[in-house]
Amino acid sequence: MIFYDCSTAPNPRRARMFIAEKGLALECHDISIAKGEQLGDAFKSVNPHATVPVLITDEGTALTENLGIAAYLEATHPNPPLMGRTAEEKGLVLMWNAIAEQQGGVPIAEALRNGHPFFADRAIPGPSDYGQIPELVSRGLDRTEKFFDRLEQRLQASRYLATNDFTLADISAFVFVEFARVIKMRIPDANDATLAWHAGIKARPSAVL
């Protein structure tokens, strides 16, 4: 397998953590978004849609979305299980992963890409140039605040987001919580359950990669 990464971006970090938790050592290539390498012909020959991460499977298929990468690795390397054991757990993992993506990752990205000068003509990842919509910044900040509230509510009742065990959902939420620093947002000091959850994941070897 070959993994195309970007050391500074959240979505590749999610896949990188998943790979590390599976105990896999893959051939890796770092693609610099800061240098625009994802838009170069060399990388677009791997993924014409110019996004990372990408996993080239043992069969030669290019998987370009985190959920596809995770599903493939879970099926080919089932231990430790990171996407649930029972039917109910599998549903909960995918549900909370979607919540992390849509209620955490999306608003953080909207606030960053529509407000930072670096993304003036790159408000949406991919091969096409899109201008910024400044109104999305305040909405993104408000939605991120609500995401922190939802995490705290859930983690007051559960050690991890989806099940009693660490899963893909925790990886996604953790990475987005960490990435919120780019819009100057942090876990509120009063959110004790989220702070404890974050500290526990931060101590895992996969979190430092």
C-alpha atoms as a PDB file:
ATOM      1  CA  MET A   1       0.000   0.000   0.000  1.00  0.00           C
ATOM      2  CA  ILE A   2       1.058   3.602  -0.639  1.00  0.00           C
ATOM      3  CA  PHE A   3      -0.189   6.535   1.439  1.00  0.00           C
ATOM      4  CA  TYR A   4      -0.229  10.139   0.227  1.00  0.00           C
ATOM      5  CA  ASP A   5      -0.169  12.424   3.251  1.00  0.00           C
ATOM      6  CA  CYS A   6       0.078  16.097   4.173  1.00  0.00           C
ATOM      7  CA  SER A   7       1.675  16.707   7.550  1.00  0.00           C
ATOM      8  CA  THR A   8      -0.152  20.008   8.160  1.00  0.00           C
ATOM      9  CA  ALA A   9      -3.735  19.167   7.131  1.00  0.00           C
ATOM     10  CA  PRO A  10      -6.450  17.592   9.318  1.00  0.00           C
ATOM     11  CA  ASN A  11      -7.933  15.023   6.937  1.00  0.00           C
ATOM     12  CA  PRO A  12      -4.622  13.312   6.160  1.00  0.00           C
ATOM     13  CA  ARG A  13      -3.904  13.295   9.893  1.00  0.00           C
ATOM     14  CA  ARG A  14      -7.118  11.346  10.486  1.00  0.00           C
ATOM     15  CA  ALA A  15      -5.994   8.648   8.044  1.00  0.00           C
ATOM     16  CA  ARG A  16      -2.461   8.747   9.461  1.00  0.00           C
ATOM     17  CA  MET A  17      -3.755   8.107  12.976  1.00  0.00           C
ATOM     18  CA  PHE A  18      -5.981   5.271  11.768  1.00  0.00           C
ATOM     19  CA  ILE A  19      -3.031   3.643   9.989  1.00  0.00           C
ATOM     20  CA  ALA A  20      -0.875   4.011  13.114  1.00  0.00           C
ATOM     21  CA  GLU A  21      -3.561   2.540  15.375  1.00  0.00           C
ATOM     22  CA  LYS A  22      -3.663  -0.473  13.045  1.00  0.00           C
ATOM     23  CA  GLY A  23       0.095  -0.864  13.509  1.00  0.00           C
ATOM     24  CA  LEU A  24       0.817  -0.553   9.788  1.00  0.00           C
ATOM     25  CA  ALA A  25       4.010   0.782   8.244  1.00  0.00           C
ATOM     26  CA  LEU A  26       3.233   1.982   4.718  1.00  0.00           C
ATOM     27  CA  GLU A  27       5.200   3.684   1.971  1.00  0.00           C
ATOM     28  CA  CYS A  28       4.339   7.365   2.482  1.00  0.00           C
ATOM     29  CA  HIS A  29       4.639  10.492   0.354  1.00  0.00           C
ATOM     30  CA  ASP A  30       4.078  13.924   1.898  1.00  0.00           C
ATOM     31  CA  ILE A  31       2.205  16.360  -0.348  1.00  0.00           C
ATOM     32  CA  SER A  32       2.673  20.010   0.634  1.00  0.00           C
ATOM     33  CA  ILE A  33      -0.565  21.960   0.347  1.00  0.00           C
ATOM     34  CA  ALA A  34       1.328  25.123   1.312  1.00  0.00           C
ATOM     35  CA  LYS A  35       3.461  24.698  -1.819  1.00  0.00           C
ATOM     36  CA  GLY A  36       0.458  23.730  -3.947  1.00  0.00           C
ATOM     37  CA  GLU A  37       1.864  20.273  -4.690  1.00  0.00           C
ATOM     38  CA  GLN A  38      -1.647  18.787  -4.697  1.00  0.00           C
ATOM     39  CA  LEU A  39      -2.347  20.825  -7.843  1.00  0.00           C
ATOM     40  CA  GLY A  40       0.729  19.603  -9.734  1.00  0.00           C
ATOM     41  CA  ASP A  41       0.542  17.120 -12.581  1.00  0.00           C
ATOM     42  CA  ALA A  42       2.516  14.502 -10.648  1.00  0.00           C
ATOM     43  CA  PHE A  43      -0.014  14.273  -7.836  1.00  0.00           C
ATOM     44  CA  LYS A  44      -3.053  14.791 -10.062  1.00  0.00           C
ATOM     45  CA  SER A  45      -2.005  11.655 -11.892  1.00  0.00           C
ATOM     46  CA  VAL A  46      -2.668   9.914  -8.562  1.00  0.00           C
ATOM     47  CA  ASN A  47      -5.824  11.858  -7.675  1.00  0.00           C
ATOM     48  CA  PRO A  48      -7.250  14.139 -10.397  1.00  0.00           C
ATOM     49  CA  HIS A  49      -9.445  15.779  -7.752  1.00  0.00           C
ATOM     50  CA  ALA A  50      -6.303  17.201  -6.098  1.00  0.00           C
ATOM     51  CA  THR A  51      -7.108  16.302  -2.493  1.00  0.00           C
ATOM     52  CA  VAL A  52      -5.305  14.352   0.215  1.00  0.00           C
ATOM     53  CA  PRO A  53      -5.268  11.807   1.760  1.00  0.00           C
ATOM     54  CA  VAL A  54      -5.006   9.042  -0.815  1.00  0.00           C
ATOM     55  CA  LEU A  55      -4.408   5.361  -0.141  1.00  0.00           C
ATOM     56  CA  ILE A  56      -3.321   3.136  -3.017  1.00  0.00           C
ATOM     57  CA  THR A  57      -4.545  -0.316  -2.029  1.00  0.00           C
ATOM     58  CA  ASP A  58      -2.734  -3.608  -2.554  1.00  0.00           C
ATOM     59  CA  GLU A  59      -5.024  -4.086  -5.532  1.00  0.00           C
ATOM     60  CA  GLY A  60      -3.975  -0.737  -7.035  1.00  0.00           C
ATOM     61  CA  THR A  61      -7.189   1.173  -6.306  1.00  0.00           C
ATOM     62  CA  ALA A  62      -6.911   4.822  -5.252  1.00  0.00           C
ATOM     63  CA  LEU A  63      -9.078   5.574  -2.210  1.00  0.00           C
ATOM     64  CA  THR A  64      -9.445   9.336  -1.787  1.00  0.00           C
ATOM     65  CA  GLU A  65     -11.830   9.699   1.176  1.00  0.00           C
ATOM     66  CA  ASN A  66     -11.185   9.001   4.852  1.00  0.00           C
ATOM     67  CA  LEU A  67     -14.202   6.760   5.276  1.00  0.00           C
ATOM     68  CA  GLY A  68     -13.199   4.642   2.278  1.00  0.00           C
ATOM     69  CA  ILE A  69      -9.627   4.371   3.544  1.00  0.00           C
ATOM     70  CA  ALA A  70     -10.818   3.388   7.024  1.00  0.00           C
ATOM     71  CA  ALA A  71     -13.303   0.824   5.695  1.00  0.00           C
ATOM     72  CA  TYR A  72     -10.643  -0.816   3.529  1.00  0.00           C
ATOM     73  CA  LEU A  73      -8.094  -0.984   6.342  1.00  0.00           C
ATOM     74  CA  GLU A  74     -10.685  -2.252   8.816  1.00  0.00           C
ATOM     75  CA  ALA A  75     -11.631  -5.052   6.436  1.00  0.00           C
ATOM     76  CA  THR A  76      -8.065  -6.034   5.577  1.00  0.00           C
ATOM     77  CA  HIS A  77      -6.632  -5.516   9.077  1.00  0.00           C
ATOM     78  CA  PRO A  78      -9.550  -6.046  11.495  1.00  0.00           C
ATOM     79  CA  ASN A  79      -7.509  -5.857  14.710  1.00  0.00           C
ATOM     80  CA  PRO A  80      -7.712  -3.747  16.668  1.00  0.00           C
ATOM     81  CA  PRO A  81     -11.299  -2.976  15.635  1.00  0.00           C
ATOM     82  CA  LEU A  82     -11.765   0.772  15.136  1.00  0.00           C
ATOM     83  CA  MET A  83     -15.193   0.803  13.501  1.00  0.00           C
ATOM     84  CA  GLY A  84     -17.244  -1.206  15.981  1.00  0.00           C
ATOM     85  CA  ARG A  85     -17.780  -4.895  16.688  1.00  0.00           C
ATOM     86  CA  THR A  86     -21.553  -5.310  16.692  1.00  0.00           C
ATOM     87  CA  ALA A  87     -24.129  -3.959  14.265  1.00  0.00           C
ATOM     88  CA  GLU A  88     -25.144  -1.327  16.816  1.00  0.00           C
ATOM     89  CA  GLU A  89     -21.547  -0.259  17.449  1.00  0.00           C
ATOM     90  CA  LYS A  90     -20.829   0.020  13.726  1.00  0.00           C
ATOM     91  CA  GLY A  91     -23.855   2.288  13.337  1.00  0.00           C
ATOM     92  CA  LEU A  92     -22.808   4.452  16.271  1.00  0.00           C
ATOM     93  CA  VAL A  93     -19.246   4.815  14.991  1.00  0.00           C
ATOM     94  CA  LEU A  94     -20.417   5.992  11.570  1.00  0.00           C
ATOM     95  CA  MET A  95     -23.023   8.269  13.144  1.00  0.00           C
ATOM     96  CA  TRP A  96     -20.528  10.012  15.423  1.00  0.00           C
ATOM     97  CA  ASN A  97     -17.934  10.156  12.671  1.00  0.00           C
ATOM     98  CA  ALA A  98     -20.470  11.980  10.511  1.00  0.00           C
ATOM     99  CA  ILE A  99     -21.283  14.342  13.375  1.00  0.00           C
ATOM    100  CA  ALA A 100     -17.570  15.092  13.795  1.00  0.00           C
ATOM    101  CA  GLU A 101     -17.184  15.762  10.081  1.00  0.00           C
ATOM    102  CA  GLN A 102     -20.334  17.794   9.480  1.00  0.00           C
ATOM    103  CA  GLN A 103     -20.619  19.648  12.786  1.00  0.00           C
ATOM    104  CA  GLY A 104     -16.901  19.992  13.516  1.00  0.00           C
ATOM    105  CA  GLY A 105     -14.762  19.681  10.422  1.00  0.00           C
ATOM    106  CA  VAL A 106     -17.013  21.574   8.026  1.00  0.00           C
ATOM    107  CA  PRO A 107     -17.570  24.723  10.122  1.00  0.00           C
ATOM    108  CA  ILE A 108     -13.895  24.930  11.081  1.00  0.00           C
ATOM    109  CA  ALA A 109     -12.955  24.673   7.412  1.00  0.00           C
ATOM    110  CA  GLU A 110     -15.558  27.275   6.455  1.00  0.00           C
ATOM    111  CA  ALA A 111     -14.272  29.747   9.028  1.00  0.00           C
ATOM    112  CA  LEU A 112     -10.650  29.201   7.982  1.00  0.00           C
ATOM    113  CA  ARG A 113     -11.009  29.078   4.210  1.00  0.00           C
ATOM    114  CA  ASN A 114     -13.387  32.011   3.989  1.00  0.00           C
ATOM    115  CA  GLY A 115     -11.386  34.274   6.277  1.00  0.00           C
ATOM    116  CA  HIS A 116      -7.671  33.569   5.840  1.00  0.00           C
ATOM    117  CA  PRO A 117      -5.844  35.480   3.056  1.00  0.00           C
ATOM    118  CA  PHE A 118      -3.965  32.309   2.011  1.00  0.00           C
ATOM    119  CA  PHE A 119      -7.264  30.874   0.765  1.00  0.00           C
ATOM    120  CA  ALA A 120      -8.430  34.000  -1.057  1.00  0.00           C
ATOM    121  CA  ASP A 121      -9.172  32.024  -4.232  1.00  0.00           C
ATOM    122  CA  ARG A 122      -9.093  28.545  -2.708  1.00  0.00           C
ATOM    123  CA  ALA A 123     -12.140  28.517  -0.445  1.00  0.00           C
ATOM    124  CA  ILE A 124     -12.939  24.900  -1.368  1.00  0.00           C
ATOM    125  CA  PRO A 125     -10.328  22.137  -1.739  1.00  0.00           C
ATOM    126  CA  GLY A 126      -9.897  20.569  -5.140  1.00  0.00           C
ATOM    127  CA  PRO A 127      -8.851  21.491  -8.672  1.00  0.00           C
ATOM    128  CA  SER A 128     -11.260  24.436  -9.072  1.00  0.00           C
ATOM    129  CA  ASP A 129     -10.760  27.944  -7.676  1.00  0.00           C
ATOM    130  CA  TYR A 130     -13.596  29.365  -5.602  1.00  0.00           C
ATOM    131  CA  GLY A 131     -13.714  32.801  -3.976  1.00  0.00           C
ATOM    132  CA  GLN A 132     -14.313  33.383  -0.301  1.00  0.00           C
ATOM    133  CA  ILE A 133     -17.704  34.119   1.253  1.00  0.00           C
ATOM    134  CA  PRO A 134     -16.894  36.249   4.328  1.00  0.00           C
ATOM    135  CA  GLU A 135     -20.326  35.642   5.880  1.00  0.00           C
ATOM    136  CA  LEU A 136     -19.418  31.997   6.394  1.00  0.00           C
ATOM    137  CA  VAL A 137     -16.708  32.918   8.898  1.00  0.00           C
ATOM    138  CA  SER A 138     -19.048  33.968  11.711  1.00  0.00           C
ATOM    139  CA  ARG A 139     -21.365  31.046  10.992  1.00  0.00           C
ATOM    140  CA  GLY A 140     -18.410  28.656  11.136  1.00  0.00           C
ATOM    141  CA  LEU A 141     -17.265  30.042  14.473  1.00  0.00           C
ATOM    142  CA  ASP A 142     -20.763  29.753  15.934  1.00  0.00           C
ATOM    143  CA  ARG A 143     -21.176  26.190  14.696  1.00  0.00           C
ATOM    144  CA  THR A 144     -17.773  25.201  16.082  1.00  0.00           C
ATOM    145  CA  GLU A 145     -18.804  26.496  19.494  1.00  0.00           C
ATOM    146  CA  LYS A 146     -21.940  24.347  19.299  1.00  0.00           C
ATOM    147  CA  PHE A 147     -19.787  21.374  18.287  1.00  0.00           C
ATOM    148  CA  PHE A 148     -17.765  21.748  21.471  1.00  0.00           C
ATOM    149  CA  ASP A 149     -21.032  21.824  23.438  1.00  0.00           C
ATOM    150  CA  ARG A 150     -22.241  18.634  21.789  1.00  0.00           C
ATOM    151  CA  LEU A 151     -18.977  16.838  22.481  1.00  0.00           C
ATOM    152  CA  GLU A 152     -19.106  17.787  26.146  1.00  0.00           C
ATOM    153  CA  GLN A 153     -22.702  16.598  26.487  1.00  0.00           C
ATOM    154  CA  ARG A 154     -21.845  13.225  24.973  1.00  0.00           C
ATOM    155  CA  LEU A 155     -18.550  12.746  26.816  1.00  0.00           C
ATOM    156  CA  GLN A 156     -20.132  13.441  30.167  1.00  0.00           C
ATOM    157  CA  ALA A 157     -22.060  10.210  29.608  1.00  0.00           C
ATOM    158  CA  SER A 158     -19.478   8.138  27.716  1.00  0.00           C
ATOM    159  CA  ARG A 159     -15.707   7.674  27.917  1.00  0.00           C
ATOM    160  CA  TYR A 160     -15.476   7.743  24.122  1.00  0.00           C
ATOM    161  CA  LEU A 161     -17.775   9.206  21.516  1.00  0.00           C
ATOM    162  CA  ALA A 162     -19.361   6.182  19.869  1.00  0.00           C
ATOM    163  CA  THR A 163     -18.775   3.169  22.128  1.00  0.00           C
ATOM    164  CA  ASN A 164     -16.860   2.211  25.242  1.00  0.00           C
ATOM    165  CA  ASP A 165     -13.760   1.814  23.088  1.00  0.00           C
ATOM    166  CA  PHE A 166     -11.565   4.182  21.073  1.00  0.00           C
ATOM    167  CA  THR A 167     -12.781   4.294  17.446  1.00  0.00           C
ATOM    168  CA  LEU A 168     -12.621   6.152  14.160  1.00  0.00           C
ATOM    169  CA  ALA A 169     -15.158   8.640  15.542  1.00  0.00           C
ATOM    170  CA  ASP A 170     -12.734   9.661  18.294  1.00  0.00           C
ATOM    171  CA  ILE A 171      -9.929  10.069  15.768  1.00  0.00           C
ATOM    172  CA  SER A 172     -12.039  12.392  13.612  1.00  0.00           C
ATOM    173  CA  ALA A 173     -13.337  14.482  16.490  1.00  0.00           C
ATOM    174  CA  PHE A 174      -9.904  14.717  18.125  1.00  0.00           C
ATOM    175  CA  VAL A 175      -8.226  15.901  14.923  1.00  0.00           C
ATOM    176  CA  PHE A 176     -10.887  18.552  14.309  1.00  0.00           C
ATOM    177  CA  VAL A 177     -10.729  19.748  17.925  1.00  0.00           C
ATOM    178  CA  GLU A 178      -6.971  20.144  17.554  1.00  0.00           C
ATOM    179  CA  PHE A 179      -7.296  21.848  14.172  1.00  0.00           C
ATOM    180  CA  ALA A 180      -9.717  24.419  15.622  1.00  0.00           C
ATOM    181  CA  ARG A 181      -6.615  26.291  16.789  1.00  0.00           C
ATOM    182  CA  VAL A 182      -6.362  27.738  13.253  1.00  0.00           C
ATOM    183  CA  ILE A 183      -9.561  29.701  13.947  1.00  0.00           C
ATOM    184  CA  LYS A 184      -8.393  30.510  17.489  1.00  0.00           C
ATOM    185  CA  MET A 185     -10.866  28.189  19.207  1.00  0.00           C
ATOM    186  CA  ARG A 186     -10.054  25.731  21.988  1.00  0.00           C
ATOM    187  CA  ILE A 187     -11.968  23.358  24.240  1.00  0.00           C
ATOM    188  CA  PRO A 188     -13.656  25.612  26.825  1.00  0.00           C
ATOM    189  CA  ASP A 189     -12.069  25.421  30.269  1.00  0.00           C
ATOM    190  CA  ALA A 190     -15.397  24.354  31.790  1.00  0.00           C
ATOM    191  CA  ASN A 191     -15.699  21.301  29.521  1.00  0.00           C
ATOM    192  CA  ASP A 192     -14.023  18.860  31.898  1.00  0.00           C
ATOM    193  CA  ALA A 193     -15.174  15.682  30.154  1.00  0.00           C
ATOM    194  CA  THR A 194     -13.888  16.844  26.761  1.00  0.00           C
ATOM    195  CA  LEU A 195     -10.585  17.969  28.238  1.00  0.00           C
ATOM    196  CA  ALA A 196     -10.075  14.550  29.859  1.00  0.00           C
ATOM    197  CA  TRP A 197     -10.999  12.758  26.615  1.00  0.00           C
ATOM    198  CA  HIS A 198      -8.639  14.978  24.638  1.00  0.00           C
ATOM    199  CA  ALA A 199      -5.760  14.429  27.076  1.00  0.00           C
ATOM    200  CA  GLY A 200      -6.212  10.670  26.881  1.00  0.00           C
ATOM    201  CA  ILE A 201      -6.065  10.623  23.083  1.00  0.00           C
ATOM    202  CA  LYS A 202      -3.191  13.099  23.039  1.00  0.00           C
ATOM    203  CA  ALA A 203      -1.149  10.573  25.005  1.00  0.00           C
ATOM    204  CA  ARG A 204      -1.617   7.849  22.373  1.00  0.00           C
ATOM    205  CA  PRO A 205       1.427   7.274  20.130  1.00  0.00           C
ATOM    206  CA  SER A 206      -0.715   7.769  17.010  1.00  0.00           C
ATOM    207  CA  ALA A 207      -1.529  11.350  18.051  1.00  0.00           C
ATOM    208  CA  VAL A 208       2.062  12.560  17.763  1.00  0.00           C
ATOM    209  CA  LEU A 209       2.525  11.465  14.167  1.00  0.00           C
END
